[in-house]
PDB file of N, CA and C in Angstrom:
ATOM      1  N   MET A   1       4.911  29.230 -11.381  1.00  0.00           N
ATOM      2  CA  MET A   1       3.933  28.541 -12.613  1.00  0.00           C
ATOM      3  C   MET A   1       3.614  26.759 -11.985  1.00  0.00           C
ATOM      4  N   SER A   2       2.740  26.667 -11.696  1.00  0.00           N
ATOM      5  CA  SER A   2       1.569  25.538 -11.465  1.00  0.00           C
ATOM      6  C   SER A   2       1.834  24.395 -12.785  1.00  0.00           C
ATOM      7  N   TYR A   3       1.730  23.389 -11.689  1.00  0.00           N
ATOM      8  CA  TYR A   3       1.240  21.967 -13.118  1.00  0.00           C
ATOM      9  C   TYR A   3      -0.105  22.368 -14.285  1.00  0.00           C
ATOM     10  N   LYS A   4      -0.321  23.022 -13.451  1.00  0.00           N
ATOM     11  CA  LYS A   4      -1.951  23.149 -15.001  1.00  0.00           C
ATOM     12  C   LYS A   4      -1.188  23.641 -15.481  1.00  0.00           C
ATOM     13  N   GLU A   5       0.067  24.539 -15.891  1.00  0.00           N
ATOM     14  CA  GLU A   5       0.847  25.613 -16.704  1.00  0.00           C
ATOM     15  C   GLU A   5       1.457  25.373 -17.656  1.00  0.00           C
ATOM     16  N   VAL A   6       1.405  24.026 -17.122  1.00  0.00           N
ATOM     17  CA  VAL A   6       3.080  22.997 -17.880  1.00  0.00           C
ATOM     18  C   VAL A   6       2.276  22.599 -19.333  1.00  0.00           C
ATOM     19  N   GLU A   7       2.679  22.428 -20.901  1.00  0.00           N
ATOM     20  CA  GLU A   7       2.671  22.339 -21.762  1.00  0.00           C
ATOM     21  C   GLU A   7       2.914  20.690 -21.802  1.00  0.00           C
ATOM     22  N   ASP A   8       1.765  20.404 -22.298  1.00  0.00           N
ATOM     23  CA  ASP A   8       1.677  18.557 -22.616  1.00  0.00           C
ATOM     24  C   ASP A   8       3.188  17.707 -22.864  1.00  0.00           C
ATOM     25  N   HIS A   9       3.522  18.197 -23.536  1.00  0.00           N
ATOM     26  CA  HIS A   9       4.884  17.435 -23.677  1.00  0.00           C
ATOM     27  C   HIS A   9       5.655  17.076 -22.498  1.00  0.00           C
ATOM     28  N   TYR A  10       5.973  18.188 -22.064  1.00  0.00           N
ATOM     29  CA  TYR A  10       6.700  18.849 -20.926  1.00  0.00           C
ATOM     30  C   TYR A  10       6.413  17.427 -20.511  1.00  0.00           C
ATOM     31  N   LEU A  11       4.991  17.259 -19.967  1.00  0.00           N
ATOM     32  CA  LEU A  11       4.465  16.301 -18.730  1.00  0.00           C
ATOM     33  C   LEU A  11       4.399  15.080 -19.408  1.00  0.00           C
ATOM     34  N   GLU A  12       4.188  14.666 -20.811  1.00  0.00           N
ATOM     35  CA  GLU A  12       3.907  13.412 -21.183  1.00  0.00           C
ATOM     36  C   GLU A  12       5.790  12.668 -20.781  1.00  0.00           C
ATOM     37  N   TYR A  13       6.493  14.106 -21.126  1.00  0.00           N
ATOM     38  CA  TYR A  13       8.189  13.321 -21.293  1.00  0.00           C
ATOM     39  C   TYR A  13       8.127  12.653 -19.260  1.00  0.00           C
ATOM     40  N   VAL A  14       8.440  13.880 -18.937  1.00  0.00           N
ATOM     41  CA  VAL A  14       8.402  13.789 -17.416  1.00  0.00           C
ATOM     42  C   VAL A  14       7.822  11.804 -16.977  1.00  0.00           C
ATOM     43  N   VAL A  15       6.438  12.033 -17.016  1.00  0.00           N
ATOM     44  CA  VAL A  15       5.812  10.844 -16.940  1.00  0.00           C
ATOM     45  C   VAL A  15       6.737  10.037 -17.487  1.00  0.00           C
ATOM     46  N   ALA A  16       6.411   9.642 -19.006  1.00  0.00           N
ATOM     47  CA  ALA A  16       7.914   8.672 -19.827  1.00  0.00           C
ATOM     48  C   ALA A  16       8.343   8.017 -18.721  1.00  0.00           C
ATOM     49  N   GLN A  17       9.923   9.388 -18.598  1.00  0.00           N
ATOM     50  CA  GLN A  17      11.218   8.869 -17.884  1.00  0.00           C
ATOM     51  C   GLN A  17      10.055   8.887 -16.283  1.00  0.00           C
ATOM     52  N   ILE A  18       9.945   9.027 -15.917  1.00  0.00           N
ATOM     53  CA  ILE A  18       9.203   7.336 -14.708  1.00  0.00           C
ATOM     54  C   ILE A  18       8.647   7.180 -14.390  1.00  0.00           C
ATOM     55  N   LYS A  19       7.722   6.478 -15.112  1.00  0.00           N
ATOM     56  CA  LYS A  19       8.004   4.569 -15.509  1.00  0.00           C
ATOM     57  C   LYS A  19       8.915   4.121 -15.695  1.00  0.00           C
ATOM     58  N   GLU A  20       9.901   4.617 -16.801  1.00  0.00           N
ATOM     59  CA  GLU A  20      11.099   3.852 -17.032  1.00  0.00           C
ATOM     60  C   GLU A  20      11.607   3.764 -15.951  1.00  0.00           C
ATOM     61  N   CYS A  21      11.872   5.012 -14.818  1.00  0.00           N
ATOM     62  CA  CYS A  21      13.064   4.572 -14.013  1.00  0.00           C
ATOM     63  C   CYS A  21      11.647   3.884 -12.665  1.00  0.00           C
ATOM     64  N   LEU A  22      10.200   3.632 -13.188  1.00  0.00           N
ATOM     65  CA  LEU A  22      10.090   2.595 -12.026  1.00  0.00           C
ATOM     66  C   LEU A  22      10.417   1.419 -12.380  1.00  0.00           C
ATOM     67  N   GLU A  23      10.218   1.414 -13.877  1.00  0.00           N
ATOM     68  CA  GLU A  23      10.542  -0.518 -14.068  1.00  0.00           C
ATOM     69  C   GLU A  23      12.270  -0.936 -14.239  1.00  0.00           C
ATOM     70  N   PHE A  24      12.667   0.347 -14.574  1.00  0.00           N
ATOM     71  CA  PHE A  24      14.392  -0.140 -13.984  1.00  0.00           C
ATOM     72  C   PHE A  24      14.423  -0.561 -12.888  1.00  0.00           C
ATOM     73  N   ILE A  25      13.827  -0.177 -11.926  1.00  0.00           N
ATOM     74  CA  ILE A  25      13.990  -0.784 -10.354  1.00  0.00           C
ATOM     75  C   ILE A  25      13.142  -1.698  -9.760  1.00  0.00           C
ATOM     76  N   GLY A  26      12.456  -1.813 -10.952  1.00  0.00           N
ATOM     77  CA  GLY A  26      11.665  -3.625 -10.393  1.00  0.00           C
ATOM     78  C   GLY A  26      12.788  -4.347 -11.454  1.00  0.00           C
ATOM     79  N   THR A  27      13.067  -3.600 -12.072  1.00  0.00           N
ATOM     80  CA  THR A  27      13.926  -4.985 -13.182  1.00  0.00           C
ATOM     81  C   THR A  27      15.181  -5.196 -11.925  1.00  0.00           C
ATOM     82  N   VAL A  28      15.755  -4.174 -11.055  1.00  0.00           N
ATOM     83  CA  VAL A  28      16.981  -4.732 -10.142  1.00  0.00           C
ATOM     84  C   VAL A  28      16.723  -4.785  -9.459  1.00  0.00           C
ATOM     85  N   LEU A  29      15.249  -5.056  -8.308  1.00  0.00           N
ATOM     86  CA  LEU A  29      15.175  -5.757  -7.606  1.00  0.00           C
ATOM     87  C   LEU A  29      14.615  -6.464  -7.448  1.00  0.00           C
ATOM     88  N   GLY A  30      13.869  -6.767  -8.415  1.00  0.00           N
ATOM     89  CA  GLY A  30      13.316  -8.626  -9.087  1.00  0.00           C
ATOM     90  C   GLY A  30      11.692  -8.422  -8.286  1.00  0.00           C
ATOM     91  N   LYS A  31      10.864  -6.854  -8.209  1.00  0.00           N
ATOM     92  CA  LYS A  31       9.525  -7.101  -7.247  1.00  0.00           C
ATOM     93  C   LYS A  31       9.458  -6.065  -8.824  1.00  0.00           C
ATOM     94  N   LYS A  32       7.512  -6.147  -8.561  1.00  0.00           N
ATOM     95  CA  LYS A  32       6.733  -5.210  -9.570  1.00  0.00           C
ATOM     96  C   LYS A  32       6.230  -4.662  -8.542  1.00  0.00           C
ATOM     97  N   LEU A  33       6.369  -3.315  -9.265  1.00  0.00           N
ATOM     98  CA  LEU A  33       5.430  -1.836  -8.586  1.00  0.00           C
ATOM     99  C   LEU A  33       4.358  -2.304  -8.288  1.00  0.00           C
ATOM    100  N   ASP A  34       4.232  -1.798  -6.945  1.00  0.00           N
ATOM    101  CA  ASP A  34       2.426  -1.984  -6.096  1.00  0.00           C
ATOM    102  C   ASP A  34       2.057  -0.409  -6.444  1.00  0.00           C
ATOM    103  N   GLU A  35       1.159   0.147  -7.462  1.00  0.00           N
ATOM    104  CA  GLU A  35       1.000   1.129  -7.567  1.00  0.00           C
ATOM    105  C   GLU A  35       0.341   1.427  -7.219  1.00  0.00           C
ATOM    106  N   ASP A  36      -0.922   0.811  -6.030  1.00  0.00           N
ATOM    107  CA  ASP A  36      -1.838   1.023  -5.305  1.00  0.00           C
ATOM    108  C   ASP A  36      -1.130   1.893  -4.081  1.00  0.00           C
ATOM    109  N   ARG A  37      -0.315   1.077  -4.303  1.00  0.00           N
ATOM    110  CA  ARG A  37       0.524   1.370  -2.905  1.00  0.00           C
ATOM    111  C   ARG A  37       1.540   2.807  -2.885  1.00  0.00           C
ATOM    112  N   LEU A  38       2.119   2.951  -4.003  1.00  0.00           N
ATOM    113  CA  LEU A  38       2.788   4.157  -4.358  1.00  0.00           C
ATOM    114  C   LEU A  38       2.001   5.310  -4.199  1.00  0.00           C
ATOM    115  N   ARG A  39       0.501   5.312  -4.465  1.00  0.00           N
ATOM    116  CA  ARG A  39      -0.596   6.036  -5.120  1.00  0.00           C
ATOM    117  C   ARG A  39      -0.659   6.983  -3.175  1.00  0.00           C
ATOM    118  N   GLU A  40      -0.481   5.130  -2.294  1.00  0.00           N
ATOM    119  CA  GLU A  40      -0.751   5.697  -1.094  1.00  0.00           C
ATOM    120  C   GLU A  40       0.481   6.804  -0.315  1.00  0.00           C
ATOM    121  N   VAL A  41       1.405   6.120  -0.446  1.00  0.00           N
ATOM    122  CA  VAL A  41       2.829   7.007  -0.371  1.00  0.00           C
ATOM    123  C   VAL A  41       2.787   8.631  -1.027  1.00  0.00           C
ATOM    124  N   VAL A  42       2.396   8.136  -1.979  1.00  0.00           N
ATOM    125  CA  VAL A  42       2.589  10.046  -2.097  1.00  0.00           C
ATOM    126  C   VAL A  42       2.030  10.722  -1.834  1.00  0.00           C
ATOM    127  N   ARG A  43       0.662  10.052  -1.347  1.00  0.00           N
ATOM    128  CA  ARG A  43      -1.343  10.383  -0.872  1.00  0.00           C
ATOM    129  C   ARG A  43      -0.534  10.832   1.115  1.00  0.00           C
ATOM    130  N   LEU A  44       0.752   9.862   1.419  1.00  0.00           N
ATOM    131  CA  LEU A  44       0.427  10.441   2.920  1.00  0.00           C
ATOM    132  C   LEU A  44       1.296  11.305   2.986  1.00  0.00           C
ATOM    133  N   SER A  45       2.853  12.073   2.002  1.00  0.00           N
ATOM    134  CA  SER A  45       4.178  12.538   1.693  1.00  0.00           C
ATOM    135  C   SER A  45       4.142  14.112   1.075  1.00  0.00           C
ATOM    136  N   ASP A  46       2.104  14.189   1.066  1.00  0.00           N
ATOM    137  CA  ASP A  46       1.471  15.430   0.924  1.00  0.00           C
ATOM    138  C   ASP A  46       0.415  16.096   1.766  1.00  0.00           C
ATOM    139  N   LYS A  47       0.482  15.406   2.020  1.00  0.00           N
ATOM    140  CA  LYS A  47      -0.848  16.018   3.170  1.00  0.00           C
ATOM    141  C   LYS A  47       0.462  16.716   4.345  1.00  0.00           C
ATOM    142  N   PRO A  48       1.369  15.911   4.934  1.00  0.00           N
ATOM    143  CA  PRO A  48       2.314  16.676   5.944  1.00  0.00           C
ATOM    144  C   PRO A  48       2.823  18.144   4.978  1.00  0.00           C
ATOM    145  N   ALA A  49       2.843  17.916   3.982  1.00  0.00           N
ATOM    146  CA  ALA A  49       3.770  18.917   3.444  1.00  0.00           C
ATOM    147  C   ALA A  49       2.109  20.577   3.378  1.00  0.00           C
ATOM    148  N   GLU A  50       1.330  20.044   2.855  1.00  0.00           N
ATOM    149  CA  GLU A  50      -0.125  21.160   2.471  1.00  0.00           C
ATOM    150  C   GLU A  50      -0.084  21.608   4.314  1.00  0.00           C
ATOM    151  N   LEU A  51      -0.244  20.657   4.985  1.00  0.00           N
ATOM    152  CA  LEU A  51      -0.349  21.148   7.441  1.00  0.00           C
ATOM    153  C   LEU A  51       0.917  21.899   7.316  1.00  0.00           C
ATOM    154  N   PHE A  52       2.343  21.552   6.794  1.00  0.00           N
ATOM    155  CA  PHE A  52       2.986  22.892   6.551  1.00  0.00           C
ATOM    156  C   PHE A  52       3.258  24.405   6.194  1.00  0.00           C
ATOM    157  N   ASP A  53       2.198  24.133   4.358  1.00  0.00           N
ATOM    158  CA  ASP A  53       2.042  25.349   4.608  1.00  0.00           C
ATOM    159  C   ASP A  53       0.532  26.058   5.058  1.00  0.00           C
ATOM    160  N   GLU A  54      -0.056  25.812   6.008  1.00  0.00           N
ATOM    161  CA  GLU A  54      -0.996  26.115   6.267  1.00  0.00           C
ATOM    162  C   GLU A  54      -0.206  26.508   7.724  1.00  0.00           C
ATOM    163  N   VAL A  55       1.299  25.757   8.062  1.00  0.00           N
ATOM    164  CA  VAL A  55       0.868  26.712   9.356  1.00  0.00           C
ATOM    165  C   VAL A  55       2.511  27.655   9.312  1.00  0.00           C
ATOM    166  N   GLN A  56       3.374  27.815   7.440  1.00  0.00           N
ATOM    167  CA  GLN A  56       3.834  29.051   7.862  1.00  0.00           C
ATOM    168  C   GLN A  56       2.736  29.730   7.252  1.00  0.00           C
ATOM    169  N   GLU A  57       1.754  29.765   7.238  1.00  0.00           N
ATOM    170  CA  GLU A  57       0.591  31.072   6.282  1.00  0.00           C
ATOM    171  C   GLU A  57       0.370  31.542   8.269  1.00  0.00           C
ATOM    172  N   LEU A  58      -0.037  31.086   8.771  1.00  0.00           N
ATOM    173  CA  LEU A  58      -0.432  31.163  10.610  1.00  0.00           C
ATOM    174  C   LEU A  58       0.419  31.552  11.295  1.00  0.00           C
ATOM    175  N   ARG A  59       1.699  31.782  10.573  1.00  0.00           N
ATOM    176  CA  ARG A  59       2.761  31.931  11.287  1.00  0.00           C
ATOM    177  C   ARG A  59       3.504  33.320  11.157  1.00  0.00           C
ATOM    178  N   LYS A  60       2.412  33.814   9.963  1.00  0.00           N
ATOM    179  CA  LYS A  60       1.907  35.494   9.405  1.00  0.00           C
ATOM    180  C   LYS A  60       1.839  36.245  10.451  1.00  0.00           C
ATOM    181  N   ALA A  61       1.011  36.107  11.447  1.00  0.00           N
ATOM    182  CA  ALA A  61       0.284  36.546  12.032  1.00  0.00           C
ATOM    183  C   ALA A  61       1.222  37.558  13.109  1.00  0.00           C
ATOM    184  N   ALA A  62       0.986  38.930  13.721  1.00  0.00           N
ATOM    185  CA  ALA A  62       2.042  39.232  14.723  1.00  0.00           C
ATOM    186  C   ALA A  62       0.900  38.991  16.360  1.00  0.00           C
ATOM    187  N   PRO A  63       0.996  39.368  17.040  1.00  0.00           N
ATOM    188  CA  PRO A  63       3.121  38.308  16.613  1.00  0.00           C
ATOM    189  C   PRO A  63       3.021  37.020  16.515  1.00  0.00           C
ATOM    190  N   CYS A  64       4.231  36.269  16.045  1.00  0.00           N
ATOM    191  CA  CYS A  64       4.033  35.207  15.778  1.00  0.00           C
ATOM    192  C   CYS A  64       3.461  34.072  16.558  1.00  0.00           C
ATOM    193  N   PRO A  65       2.604  33.443  16.314  1.00  0.00           N
ATOM    194  CA  PRO A  65       2.593  32.178  16.804  1.00  0.00           C
ATOM    195  C   PRO A  65       3.442  31.497  17.330  1.00  0.00           C
ATOM    196  N   ALA A  66       4.168  30.949  16.467  1.00  0.00           N
ATOM    197  CA  ALA A  66       5.434  29.689  16.655  1.00  0.00           C
ATOM    198  C   ALA A  66       6.782  30.230  15.865  1.00  0.00           C
ATOM    199  N   GLY A  67       7.955  30.519  17.031  1.00  0.00           N
ATOM    200  CA  GLY A  67       9.232  31.114  16.066  1.00  0.00           C
ATOM    201  C   GLY A  67       9.311  30.293  15.149  1.00  0.00           C
ATOM    202  N   SER A  68      11.049  31.031  14.977  1.00  0.00           N
ATOM    203  CA  SER A  68      11.443  29.414  13.982  1.00  0.00           C
ATOM    204  C   SER A  68      12.284  28.490  15.015  1.00  0.00           C
ATOM    205  N   GLU A  69      12.373  28.285  15.860  1.00  0.00           N
ATOM    206  CA  GLU A  69      12.908  27.422  16.365  1.00  0.00           C
ATOM    207  C   GLU A  69      12.257  25.976  17.440  1.00  0.00           C
ATOM    208  N   ASP A  70      10.712  26.284  16.981  1.00  0.00           N
ATOM    209  CA  ASP A  70       9.546  25.671  17.065  1.00  0.00           C
ATOM    210  C   ASP A  70       9.619  25.259  15.995  1.00  0.00           C
ATOM    211  N   ILE A  71       9.740  25.817  14.630  1.00  0.00           N
ATOM    212  CA  ILE A  71       9.186  25.874  13.050  1.00  0.00           C
ATOM    213  C   ILE A  71      10.595  24.830  12.773  1.00  0.00           C
ATOM    214  N   LEU A  72      11.748  24.739  13.470  1.00  0.00           N
ATOM    215  CA  LEU A  72      13.088  24.236  12.940  1.00  0.00           C
ATOM    216  C   LEU A  72      12.822  22.851  13.071  1.00  0.00           C
ATOM    217  N   SER A  73      12.793  22.060  13.946  1.00  0.00           N
ATOM    218  CA  SER A  73      12.258  21.663  15.145  1.00  0.00           C
ATOM    219  C   SER A  73      11.364  20.371  14.192  1.00  0.00           C
ATOM    220  N   CYS A  74      10.654  20.808  13.092  1.00  0.00           N
ATOM    221  CA  CYS A  74       9.720  19.620  12.084  1.00  0.00           C
ATOM    222  C   CYS A  74      10.676  19.714  11.400  1.00  0.00           C
ATOM    223  N   ILE A  75      11.827  20.592  10.247  1.00  0.00           N
ATOM    224  CA  ILE A  75      12.630  20.183   9.778  1.00  0.00           C
ATOM    225  C   ILE A  75      12.504  18.623   9.351  1.00  0.00           C
ATOM    226  N   MET A  76      13.536  17.416  10.095  1.00  0.00           N
ATOM    227  CA  MET A  76      13.383  16.659  10.077  1.00  0.00           C
ATOM    228  C   MET A  76      13.040  15.311   9.852  1.00  0.00           C
ATOM    229  N   PRO A  77      11.349  15.494  10.863  1.00  0.00           N
ATOM    230  CA  PRO A  77      10.182  14.177  10.296  1.00  0.00           C
ATOM    231  C   PRO A  77      10.089  14.281   9.080  1.00  0.00           C
ATOM    232  N   MET A  78       9.580  16.259   8.551  1.00  0.00           N
ATOM    233  CA  MET A  78       9.751  16.465   7.005  1.00  0.00           C
ATOM    234  C   MET A  78      10.058  15.639   5.976  1.00  0.00           C
ATOM    235  N   VAL A  79      11.144  15.856   7.274  1.00  0.00           N
ATOM    236  CA  VAL A  79      12.913  15.108   5.509  1.00  0.00           C
ATOM    237  C   VAL A  79      12.945  13.709   5.271  1.00  0.00           C
ATOM    238  N   SER A  80      12.090  13.028   6.981  1.00  0.00           N
ATOM    239  CA  SER A  80      13.225  11.648   6.862  1.00  0.00           C
ATOM    240  C   SER A  80      11.634  10.797   6.732  1.00  0.00           C
ATOM    241  N   GLY A  81      10.542  11.585   7.758  1.00  0.00           N
ATOM    242  CA  GLY A  81       8.869  10.905   7.426  1.00  0.00           C
ATOM    243  C   GLY A  81       8.307  10.316   6.260  1.00  0.00           C
ATOM    244  N   GLN A  82       9.127  10.966   5.303  1.00  0.00           N
ATOM    245  CA  GLN A  82       7.532  11.486   3.807  1.00  0.00           C
ATOM    246  C   GLN A  82       6.806   9.955   3.396  1.00  0.00           C
ATOM    247  N   GLY A  83       5.549   9.960   4.207  1.00  0.00           N
ATOM    248  CA  GLY A  83       5.205   8.248   3.023  1.00  0.00           C
ATOM    249  C   GLY A  83       4.279   7.920   4.014  1.00  0.00           C
ATOM    250  N   VAL A  84       4.904   8.230   5.574  1.00  0.00           N
ATOM    251  CA  VAL A  84       4.548   7.569   6.983  1.00  0.00           C
ATOM    252  C   VAL A  84       2.903   8.339   7.612  1.00  0.00           C
ATOM    253  N   ARG A  85       2.135   7.860   7.679  1.00  0.00           N
ATOM    254  CA  ARG A  85       1.407   8.395   8.947  1.00  0.00           C
ATOM    255  C   ARG A  85       1.424   8.513   9.667  1.00  0.00           C
ATOM    256  N   LEU A  86       2.069   8.714  10.477  1.00  0.00           N
ATOM    257  CA  LEU A  86       2.149   9.140  11.810  1.00  0.00           C
ATOM    258  C   LEU A  86       2.749  10.150  11.822  1.00  0.00           C
ATOM    259  N   LEU A  87       3.109  11.475  10.294  1.00  0.00           N
ATOM    260  CA  LEU A  87       3.996  11.844  10.217  1.00  0.00           C
ATOM    261  C   LEU A  87       2.393  13.612  10.025  1.00  0.00           C
ATOM    262  N   SER A  88       1.852  12.801   9.398  1.00  0.00           N
ATOM    263  CA  SER A  88       0.605  13.623   9.650  1.00  0.00           C
ATOM    264  C   SER A  88       0.138  14.142  11.112  1.00  0.00           C
ATOM    265  N   ILE A  89       0.222  13.120  11.397  1.00  0.00           N
ATOM    266  CA  ILE A  89      -0.585  13.632  12.642  1.00  0.00           C
ATOM    267  C   ILE A  89       0.509  14.398  13.728  1.00  0.00           C
ATOM    268  N   PHE A  90       1.480  14.108  14.204  1.00  0.00           N
ATOM    269  CA  PHE A  90       2.591  15.099  14.148  1.00  0.00           C
ATOM    270  C   PHE A  90       2.446  16.467  13.959  1.00  0.00           C
ATOM    271  N   ILE A  91       2.233  16.537  12.353  1.00  0.00           N
ATOM    272  CA  ILE A  91       2.240  17.618  12.395  1.00  0.00           C
ATOM    273  C   ILE A  91       1.384  18.306  12.875  1.00  0.00           C
ATOM    274  N   GLN A  92       0.149  17.746  12.820  1.00  0.00           N
ATOM    275  CA  GLN A  92      -1.305  18.655  13.086  1.00  0.00           C
ATOM    276  C   GLN A  92      -1.408  18.474  14.371  1.00  0.00           C
ATOM    277  N   SER A  93      -0.572  18.010  15.454  1.00  0.00           N
ATOM    278  CA  SER A  93      -0.421  18.147  16.946  1.00  0.00           C
ATOM    279  C   SER A  93       0.220  19.084  16.665  1.00  0.00           C
TER     280      SER A  93
END
């Protein structure tokens, strides 16, 4: 199921919960959320995942151009590097 198939009321509920959570975090930290920065971090986090999906598609070829050992070395940067511009460069190389 894609996000396009989700009923509107479910999406509205999740959006409201996220907004409430971000508001709470801002109150606790005493800082206002920088929505532009959040959008940038989300964009930077999405790009490596898209690139990784492309790599996985390429791995379906026979013979496989990259073994599991090669791919496993990418997992930690994918987890710890979310929102970092350098991660996209790493995945592309």
